Amino acid sequence: MTKTEQVLIGMLKENTGSHMCDSGGFYGRHWQKNQDKNFMQEPEATVEFAIYNDQLSVEFSKNVFHFLKDRLEFNEELNEDFKSFVDSNDYYDLQAMQEYCDLHEYDSQMVNTYNGESNVSQTLQFITFGHGSDLYEHNHVLLQIHGGCDVRGGYSTPMVFDLMDECGIYMVADGSISCSHCDANWSTDDAYHWYNDGSSVGTELQEYDATEGSEGIEGKVVVNEDGEAFCPKCGHGKLII
């Protein structure tokens, strides 16, 4: 296991408390649910289909651990520098993250993924920073993972990572689905519209007629009792990630 993976697992299991702005009762918070998880063995993404009001619903989720480990590398030197800054100042976490960037004259961008569409399994709060206003020039990130129930509180201690995939950490709403039998595929960049072959040409996945059943039907999305769906183009293969 790499140092980056160890740090991320520690953040995911960090006790972020149970304060007033983080309701949820016993064992209802993310950090509590994460205690017995083996993140290395969890799937990178999951998908489940359902039909509501005669329309297809796609529940697609990217595992937060795999999403982050594929895009980040822990920067121990910068992290120690940030920790020393925090220890010598009286800032709360988010304020400390921004003040640290301002002090070092970094250009920075703050994001909380709860404020937009996201397929990642837990909310992320982060500041990317670097020397340049373009996001592609930001090569570091101060990251927090939401470990609570209520998004207003319950964030892990900020840690510093290098960005290995440029703007990849911003791609929280992206996803792809394909047919196990034919070449059909659909992708999303907004967690809602599933575009045919990743373009505006062709029928979006959620625009097909949807019905329940145990066998596929060409021209329709058939969803079985296990939450699996058959490809509407060929009617044979199942839709997979």
C-alpha atoms as a PDB file:
ATOM      1  CA  MET A   1       0.000   0.000   0.000  1.00  0.00           C
ATOM      2  CA  THR A   2       1.378   3.396  -0.960  1.00  0.00           C
ATOM      3  CA  LYS A   3       1.714   6.370   1.381  1.00  0.00           C
ATOM      4  CA  THR A   4      -1.025   8.152  -0.583  1.00  0.00           C
ATOM      5  CA  GLU A   5      -3.405   5.233  -0.080  1.00  0.00           C
ATOM      6  CA  GLN A   6      -2.604   5.111   3.640  1.00  0.00           C
ATOM      7  CA  VAL A   7      -3.299   8.833   4.039  1.00  0.00           C
ATOM      8  CA  LEU A   8      -6.578   8.654   2.127  1.00  0.00           C
ATOM      9  CA  ILE A   9      -7.800   5.687   4.162  1.00  0.00           C
ATOM     10  CA  GLY A  10      -6.879   7.557   7.334  1.00  0.00           C
ATOM     11  CA  MET A  11      -8.933  10.549   6.163  1.00  0.00           C
ATOM     12  CA  LEU A  12     -11.897   8.340   5.306  1.00  0.00           C
ATOM     13  CA  LYS A  13     -11.824   6.723   8.751  1.00  0.00           C
ATOM     14  CA  GLU A  14     -11.002   9.876  10.713  1.00  0.00           C
ATOM     15  CA  ASN A  15     -13.425  10.577  13.550  1.00  0.00           C
ATOM     16  CA  THR A  16     -14.868  13.912  12.468  1.00  0.00           C
ATOM     17  CA  GLY A  17     -17.120  14.180  15.505  1.00  0.00           C
ATOM     18  CA  SER A  18     -20.834  14.389  16.096  1.00  0.00           C
ATOM     19  CA  HIS A  19     -21.451  18.082  16.654  1.00  0.00           C
ATOM     20  CA  MET A  20     -24.751  19.938  16.333  1.00  0.00           C
ATOM     21  CA  CYS A  21     -24.375  20.669  12.605  1.00  0.00           C
ATOM     22  CA  ASP A  22     -23.751  17.006  11.878  1.00  0.00           C
ATOM     23  CA  SER A  23     -26.886  15.070  12.791  1.00  0.00           C
ATOM     24  CA  GLY A  24     -27.282  11.380  12.024  1.00  0.00           C
ATOM     25  CA  GLY A  25     -27.422   9.425  15.243  1.00  0.00           C
ATOM     26  CA  PHE A  26     -25.267   6.423  16.090  1.00  0.00           C
ATOM     27  CA  TYR A  27     -23.258   4.928  13.214  1.00  0.00           C
ATOM     28  CA  GLY A  28     -25.001   7.090  10.611  1.00  0.00           C
ATOM     29  CA  ARG A  29     -21.982   9.162   9.642  1.00  0.00           C
ATOM     30  CA  HIS A  30     -19.616   8.290   6.822  1.00  0.00           C
ATOM     31  CA  TRP A  31     -16.584   7.924   9.109  1.00  0.00           C
ATOM     32  CA  GLN A  32     -18.495   5.470  11.279  1.00  0.00           C
ATOM     33  CA  LYS A  33     -19.628   3.389   8.308  1.00  0.00           C
ATOM     34  CA  ASN A  34     -16.064   3.389   6.930  1.00  0.00           C
ATOM     35  CA  GLN A  35     -14.398   1.784   9.953  1.00  0.00           C
ATOM     36  CA  ASP A  36     -14.713  -1.822   8.747  1.00  0.00           C
ATOM     37  CA  LYS A  37     -14.361  -1.163   5.027  1.00  0.00           C
ATOM     38  CA  ASN A  38     -11.507  -2.536   2.949  1.00  0.00           C
ATOM     39  CA  PHE A  39     -11.229   0.283   0.429  1.00  0.00           C
ATOM     40  CA  MET A  40      -8.594  -1.506  -1.645  1.00  0.00           C
ATOM     41  CA  GLN A  41     -11.072  -4.288  -2.436  1.00  0.00           C
ATOM     42  CA  GLU A  42     -14.100  -2.114  -3.124  1.00  0.00           C
ATOM     43  CA  PRO A  43     -15.192  -1.610  -6.759  1.00  0.00           C
ATOM     44  CA  GLU A  44     -14.099   1.603  -8.435  1.00  0.00           C
ATOM     45  CA  ALA A  45     -17.684   2.404  -9.382  1.00  0.00           C
ATOM     46  CA  THR A  46     -21.181   0.969  -9.117  1.00  0.00           C
ATOM     47  CA  VAL A  47     -24.370   1.413 -11.108  1.00  0.00           C
ATOM     48  CA  GLU A  48     -27.969   0.498 -10.368  1.00  0.00           C
ATOM     49  CA  PHE A  49     -31.006   1.062 -12.547  1.00  0.00           C
ATOM     50  CA  ALA A  50     -34.629   1.625 -11.578  1.00  0.00           C
ATOM     51  CA  ILE A  51     -37.837   2.918 -13.114  1.00  0.00           C
ATOM     52  CA  TYR A  52     -39.747   5.812 -11.587  1.00  0.00           C
ATOM     53  CA  ASN A  53     -42.892   7.213 -13.208  1.00  0.00           C
ATOM     54  CA  ASP A  54     -42.134   5.200 -16.363  1.00  0.00           C
ATOM     55  CA  GLN A  55     -38.691   6.804 -16.697  1.00  0.00           C
ATOM     56  CA  LEU A  56     -35.246   5.271 -16.313  1.00  0.00           C
ATOM     57  CA  SER A  57     -33.237   6.232 -13.219  1.00  0.00           C
ATOM     58  CA  VAL A  58     -29.464   5.663 -13.252  1.00  0.00           C
ATOM     59  CA  GLU A  59     -27.740   5.518  -9.858  1.00  0.00           C
ATOM     60  CA  PHE A  60     -24.052   5.755 -10.762  1.00  0.00           C
ATOM     61  CA  SER A  61     -21.419   6.181  -8.050  1.00  0.00           C
ATOM     62  CA  LYS A  62     -17.636   6.463  -8.149  1.00  0.00           C
ATOM     63  CA  ASN A  63     -15.881   5.160  -5.045  1.00  0.00           C
ATOM     64  CA  VAL A  64     -14.283   8.149  -3.314  1.00  0.00           C
ATOM     65  CA  PHE A  65     -11.103   6.232  -2.390  1.00  0.00           C
ATOM     66  CA  HIS A  66     -10.380   5.008  -5.914  1.00  0.00           C
ATOM     67  CA  PHE A  67     -11.360   8.362  -7.415  1.00  0.00           C
ATOM     68  CA  LEU A  68      -8.792  10.162  -5.255  1.00  0.00           C
ATOM     69  CA  LYS A  69      -5.951   7.624  -5.297  1.00  0.00           C
ATOM     70  CA  ASP A  70      -5.921   7.635  -9.102  1.00  0.00           C
ATOM     71  CA  ARG A  71      -5.546  11.429  -9.207  1.00  0.00           C
ATOM     72  CA  LEU A  72      -3.433  12.401  -6.199  1.00  0.00           C
ATOM     73  CA  GLU A  73      -0.055  11.789  -4.608  1.00  0.00           C
ATOM     74  CA  PHE A  74       0.576  12.743  -1.001  1.00  0.00           C
ATOM     75  CA  ASN A  75       3.112  15.588  -0.633  1.00  0.00           C
ATOM     76  CA  GLU A  76       4.671  15.041   2.784  1.00  0.00           C
ATOM     77  CA  GLU A  77       6.901  18.120   2.655  1.00  0.00           C
ATOM     78  CA  LEU A  78       4.119  20.567   1.794  1.00  0.00           C
ATOM     79  CA  ASN A  79       1.791  18.863   4.226  1.00  0.00           C
ATOM     80  CA  GLU A  80       4.256  19.379   7.074  1.00  0.00           C
ATOM     81  CA  ASP A  81       4.628  23.028   6.066  1.00  0.00           C
ATOM     82  CA  PHE A  82       0.861  23.485   6.099  1.00  0.00           C
ATOM     83  CA  LYS A  83       0.576  21.711   9.468  1.00  0.00           C
ATOM     84  CA  SER A  84       3.206  24.054  10.963  1.00  0.00           C
ATOM     85  CA  PHE A  85       1.239  27.015   9.602  1.00  0.00           C
ATOM     86  CA  VAL A  86      -1.962  25.721  11.222  1.00  0.00           C
ATOM     87  CA  ASP A  87      -0.224  25.047  14.557  1.00  0.00           C
ATOM     88  CA  SER A  88       1.075  28.628  14.711  1.00  0.00           C
ATOM     89  CA  ASN A  89      -2.231  30.305  13.819  1.00  0.00           C
ATOM     90  CA  ASP A  90      -5.759  30.321  15.139  1.00  0.00           C
ATOM     91  CA  TYR A  91      -7.770  29.473  12.013  1.00  0.00           C
ATOM     92  CA  TYR A  92     -10.531  26.963  11.433  1.00  0.00           C
ATOM     93  CA  ASP A  93      -9.732  24.432   8.696  1.00  0.00           C
ATOM     94  CA  LEU A  94     -11.225  26.088   5.612  1.00  0.00           C
ATOM     95  CA  GLN A  95      -9.920  29.502   6.604  1.00  0.00           C
ATOM     96  CA  ALA A  96      -6.460  28.036   7.207  1.00  0.00           C
ATOM     97  CA  MET A  97      -6.466  26.444   3.753  1.00  0.00           C
ATOM     98  CA  GLN A  98      -7.212  29.759   2.051  1.00  0.00           C
ATOM     99  CA  GLU A  99      -4.881  31.811   4.250  1.00  0.00           C
ATOM    100  CA  TYR A 100      -2.037  29.381   3.564  1.00  0.00           C
ATOM    101  CA  CYS A 101      -2.471  29.819  -0.184  1.00  0.00           C
ATOM    102  CA  ASP A 102      -2.715  33.600   0.141  1.00  0.00           C
ATOM    103  CA  LEU A 103       0.379  33.796   2.362  1.00  0.00           C
ATOM    104  CA  HIS A 104       2.460  31.939  -0.234  1.00  0.00           C
ATOM    105  CA  GLU A 105       0.938  33.981  -3.075  1.00  0.00           C
ATOM    106  CA  TYR A 106      -0.547  30.948  -4.751  1.00  0.00           C
ATOM    107  CA  ASP A 107      -3.388  31.276  -7.214  1.00  0.00           C
ATOM    108  CA  SER A 108      -6.157  29.075  -5.871  1.00  0.00           C
ATOM    109  CA  GLN A 109      -9.660  27.751  -6.490  1.00  0.00           C
ATOM    110  CA  MET A 110     -12.006  26.518  -3.756  1.00  0.00           C
ATOM    111  CA  VAL A 111     -14.622  23.809  -4.374  1.00  0.00           C
ATOM    112  CA  ASN A 112     -17.220  21.937  -2.357  1.00  0.00           C
ATOM    113  CA  THR A 113     -18.661  19.201  -4.545  1.00  0.00           C
ATOM    114  CA  TYR A 114     -21.983  19.334  -2.680  1.00  0.00           C
ATOM    115  CA  ASN A 115     -22.673  22.642  -4.462  1.00  0.00           C
ATOM    116  CA  GLY A 116     -22.815  20.972  -7.879  1.00  0.00           C
ATOM    117  CA  GLU A 117     -23.506  17.629  -9.518  1.00  0.00           C
ATOM    118  CA  SER A 118     -21.256  14.783  -8.410  1.00  0.00           C
ATOM    119  CA  ASN A 119     -21.050  11.007  -8.826  1.00  0.00           C
ATOM    120  CA  VAL A 120     -18.379  10.597  -6.121  1.00  0.00           C
ATOM    121  CA  SER A 121     -19.598   8.608  -3.112  1.00  0.00           C
ATOM    122  CA  GLN A 122     -18.640  11.248  -0.515  1.00  0.00           C
ATOM    123  CA  THR A 123     -18.545  15.036  -0.641  1.00  0.00           C
ATOM    124  CA  LEU A 124     -15.127  16.626  -1.175  1.00  0.00           C
ATOM    125  CA  GLN A 125     -14.007  20.074  -0.089  1.00  0.00           C
ATOM    126  CA  PHE A 126     -10.723  21.261  -1.531  1.00  0.00           C
ATOM    127  CA  ILE A 127      -8.559  24.117  -2.743  1.00  0.00           C
ATOM    128  CA  THR A 128      -6.323  23.578  -5.753  1.00  0.00           C
ATOM    129  CA  PHE A 129      -3.342  25.915  -5.909  1.00  0.00           C
ATOM    130  CA  GLY A 130      -0.280  26.789  -7.939  1.00  0.00           C
ATOM    131  CA  HIS A 131       1.483  29.661  -9.662  1.00  0.00           C
ATOM    132  CA  GLY A 132      -0.953  30.657 -12.397  1.00  0.00           C
ATOM    133  CA  SER A 133      -4.616  31.519 -12.682  1.00  0.00           C
ATOM    134  CA  ASP A 134      -5.360  28.680 -15.123  1.00  0.00           C
ATOM    135  CA  LEU A 135      -6.527  25.521 -13.354  1.00  0.00           C
ATOM    136  CA  TYR A 136      -4.059  23.509 -15.445  1.00  0.00           C
ATOM    137  CA  GLU A 137      -1.301  25.409 -13.629  1.00  0.00           C
ATOM    138  CA  HIS A 138      -2.542  24.266 -10.223  1.00  0.00           C
ATOM    139  CA  ASN A 139      -0.390  21.293  -9.279  1.00  0.00           C
ATOM    140  CA  HIS A 140      -1.315  20.917  -5.590  1.00  0.00           C
ATOM    141  CA  VAL A 141      -4.504  20.496  -3.597  1.00  0.00           C
ATOM    142  CA  LEU A 142      -5.516  20.952   0.026  1.00  0.00           C
ATOM    143  CA  LEU A 143      -8.174  18.300   0.513  1.00  0.00           C
ATOM    144  CA  GLN A 144     -10.898  17.489   3.021  1.00  0.00           C
ATOM    145  CA  ILE A 145     -13.302  14.555   2.811  1.00  0.00           C
ATOM    146  CA  HIS A 146     -16.739  14.894   4.327  1.00  0.00           C
ATOM    147  CA  GLY A 147     -17.054  12.205   6.975  1.00  0.00           C
ATOM    148  CA  GLY A 148     -20.324  13.218   8.571  1.00  0.00           C
ATOM    149  CA  CYS A 149     -24.012  13.120   7.712  1.00  0.00           C
ATOM    150  CA  ASP A 150     -24.876  16.808   7.396  1.00  0.00           C
ATOM    151  CA  VAL A 151     -22.697  18.548   4.802  1.00  0.00           C
ATOM    152  CA  ARG A 152     -22.407  21.653   6.978  1.00  0.00           C
ATOM    153  CA  GLY A 153     -19.964  19.873   9.280  1.00  0.00           C
ATOM    154  CA  GLY A 154     -17.877  16.757   9.752  1.00  0.00           C
ATOM    155  CA  TYR A 155     -14.880  17.274   7.415  1.00  0.00           C
ATOM    156  CA  SER A 156     -11.534  15.525   7.790  1.00  0.00           C
ATOM    157  CA  THR A 157      -8.301  17.315   8.635  1.00  0.00           C
ATOM    158  CA  PRO A 158      -6.923  19.060   5.503  1.00  0.00           C
ATOM    159  CA  MET A 159      -4.025  17.267   3.825  1.00  0.00           C
ATOM    160  CA  VAL A 160      -1.784  18.357   0.929  1.00  0.00           C
ATOM    161  CA  PHE A 161      -1.449  16.315  -2.260  1.00  0.00           C
ATOM    162  CA  ASP A 162       0.057  16.768  -5.694  1.00  0.00           C
ATOM    163  CA  LEU A 163      -2.360  16.640  -8.600  1.00  0.00           C
ATOM    164  CA  MET A 164      -1.349  13.785 -10.882  1.00  0.00           C
ATOM    165  CA  ASP A 165      -4.094  14.267 -13.425  1.00  0.00           C
ATOM    166  CA  GLU A 166      -4.212  18.062 -13.809  1.00  0.00           C
ATOM    167  CA  CYS A 167      -7.906  18.963 -13.503  1.00  0.00           C
ATOM    168  CA  GLY A 168      -8.997  15.372 -12.837  1.00  0.00           C
ATOM    169  CA  ILE A 169     -10.138  16.155  -9.305  1.00  0.00           C
ATOM    170  CA  TYR A 170     -12.765  18.470 -10.792  1.00  0.00           C
ATOM    171  CA  MET A 171     -14.279  15.666 -12.875  1.00  0.00           C
ATOM    172  CA  VAL A 172     -16.614  14.481 -10.130  1.00  0.00           C
ATOM    173  CA  ALA A 173     -19.694  14.238 -12.366  1.00  0.00           C
ATOM    174  CA  ASP A 174     -18.120  12.163 -15.150  1.00  0.00           C
ATOM    175  CA  GLY A 175     -19.004   8.538 -15.822  1.00  0.00           C
ATOM    176  CA  SER A 176     -19.434   5.957 -18.564  1.00  0.00           C
ATOM    177  CA  ILE A 177     -21.685   2.960 -19.206  1.00  0.00           C
ATOM    178  CA  SER A 178     -21.365   0.397 -22.001  1.00  0.00           C
ATOM    179  CA  CYS A 179     -23.074  -2.721 -23.301  1.00  0.00           C
ATOM    180  CA  SER A 180     -21.509  -6.090 -22.501  1.00  0.00           C
ATOM    181  CA  HIS A 181     -22.580  -7.440 -25.914  1.00  0.00           C
ATOM    182  CA  CYS A 182     -22.403  -4.697 -28.563  1.00  0.00           C
ATOM    183  CA  ASP A 183     -20.343  -1.508 -28.963  1.00  0.00           C
ATOM    184  CA  ALA A 184     -22.994   0.798 -27.488  1.00  0.00           C
ATOM    185  CA  ASN A 185     -21.833   3.222 -24.829  1.00  0.00           C
ATOM    186  CA  TRP A 186     -23.056   6.295 -23.024  1.00  0.00           C
ATOM    187  CA  SER A 187     -21.217   8.864 -20.917  1.00  0.00           C
ATOM    188  CA  THR A 188     -22.050  11.768 -18.665  1.00  0.00           C
ATOM    189  CA  ASP A 189     -20.344  14.939 -17.510  1.00  0.00           C
ATOM    190  CA  ASP A 190     -23.216  16.246 -15.384  1.00  0.00           C
ATOM    191  CA  ALA A 191     -24.376  13.116 -13.485  1.00  0.00           C
ATOM    192  CA  TYR A 192     -27.752  13.228 -15.234  1.00  0.00           C
ATOM    193  CA  HIS A 193     -27.591  13.227 -19.042  1.00  0.00           C
ATOM    194  CA  TRP A 194     -26.132  10.007 -20.465  1.00  0.00           C
ATOM    195  CA  TYR A 195     -24.963  10.887 -23.970  1.00  0.00           C
ATOM    196  CA  ASN A 196     -24.755   8.359 -26.798  1.00  0.00           C
ATOM    197  CA  ASP A 197     -21.067   7.828 -27.657  1.00  0.00           C
ATOM    198  CA  GLY A 198     -20.292  10.901 -25.557  1.00  0.00           C
ATOM    199  CA  SER A 199     -21.924  13.335 -27.986  1.00  0.00           C
ATOM    200  CA  SER A 200     -25.221  15.139 -28.485  1.00  0.00           C
ATOM    201  CA  VAL A 201     -25.925  12.953 -31.536  1.00  0.00           C
ATOM    202  CA  GLY A 202     -28.175   9.956 -30.915  1.00  0.00           C
ATOM    203  CA  THR A 203     -30.603   9.036 -28.192  1.00  0.00           C
ATOM    204  CA  GLU A 204     -29.574   9.675 -24.604  1.00  0.00           C
ATOM    205  CA  LEU A 205     -29.857   6.612 -22.376  1.00  0.00           C
ATOM    206  CA  GLN A 206     -32.520   8.118 -20.120  1.00  0.00           C
ATOM    207  CA  GLU A 207     -34.644   9.041 -23.171  1.00  0.00           C
ATOM    208  CA  TYR A 208     -35.368   5.420 -24.103  1.00  0.00           C
ATOM    209  CA  ASP A 209     -38.673   3.866 -23.082  1.00  0.00           C
ATOM    210  CA  ALA A 210     -38.086   1.901 -19.890  1.00  0.00           C
ATOM    211  CA  THR A 211     -39.862  -1.169 -18.589  1.00  0.00           C
ATOM    212  CA  GLU A 212     -39.368  -3.940 -16.053  1.00  0.00           C
ATOM    213  CA  GLY A 213     -38.600  -7.483 -17.134  1.00  0.00           C
ATOM    214  CA  SER A 214     -36.113 -10.327 -17.214  1.00  0.00           C
ATOM    215  CA  GLU A 215     -35.064 -10.164 -20.884  1.00  0.00           C
ATOM    216  CA  GLY A 216     -33.906  -7.357 -23.122  1.00  0.00           C
ATOM    217  CA  ILE A 217     -36.031  -5.705 -25.802  1.00  0.00           C
ATOM    218  CA  GLU A 218     -34.442  -3.851 -28.689  1.00  0.00           C
ATOM    219  CA  GLY A 219     -35.424  -0.180 -28.547  1.00  0.00           C
ATOM    220  CA  LYS A 220     -36.205  -0.209 -24.817  1.00  0.00           C
ATOM    221  CA  VAL A 221     -34.246  -0.288 -21.567  1.00  0.00           C
ATOM    222  CA  VAL A 222     -35.421  -3.310 -19.598  1.00  0.00           C
ATOM    223  CA  VAL A 223     -34.606  -3.308 -15.868  1.00  0.00           C
ATOM    224  CA  ASN A 224     -34.682  -6.574 -13.930  1.00  0.00           C
ATOM    225  CA  GLU A 225     -35.428  -7.126 -10.243  1.00  0.00           C
ATOM    226  CA  ASP A 226     -31.706  -6.961  -9.363  1.00  0.00           C
ATOM    227  CA  GLY A 227     -31.376  -3.382 -10.642  1.00  0.00           C
ATOM    228  CA  GLU A 228     -29.567  -4.472 -13.810  1.00  0.00           C
ATOM    229  CA  ALA A 229     -30.498  -3.094 -17.223  1.00  0.00           C
ATOM    230  CA  PHE A 230     -30.414  -4.555 -20.727  1.00  0.00           C
ATOM    231  CA  CYS A 231     -28.993  -2.565 -23.628  1.00  0.00           C
ATOM    232  CA  PRO A 232     -31.689  -0.788 -25.660  1.00  0.00           C
ATOM    233  CA  LYS A 233     -29.645  -0.976 -28.873  1.00  0.00           C
ATOM    234  CA  CYS A 234     -29.081  -4.721 -29.152  1.00  0.00           C
ATOM    235  CA  GLY A 235     -31.493  -6.041 -26.534  1.00  0.00           C
ATOM    236  CA  HIS A 236     -29.008  -8.721 -25.498  1.00  0.00           C
ATOM    237  CA  GLY A 237     -26.181  -7.345 -23.398  1.00  0.00           C
ATOM    238  CA  LYS A 238     -26.373  -5.820 -19.954  1.00  0.00           C
ATOM    239  CA  LEU A 239     -25.308  -2.252 -19.239  1.00  0.00           C
ATOM    240  CA  ILE A 240     -22.049  -2.274 -17.285  1.00  0.00           C
ATOM    241  CA  ILE A 241     -19.381   0.149 -16.087  1.00  0.00           C
END
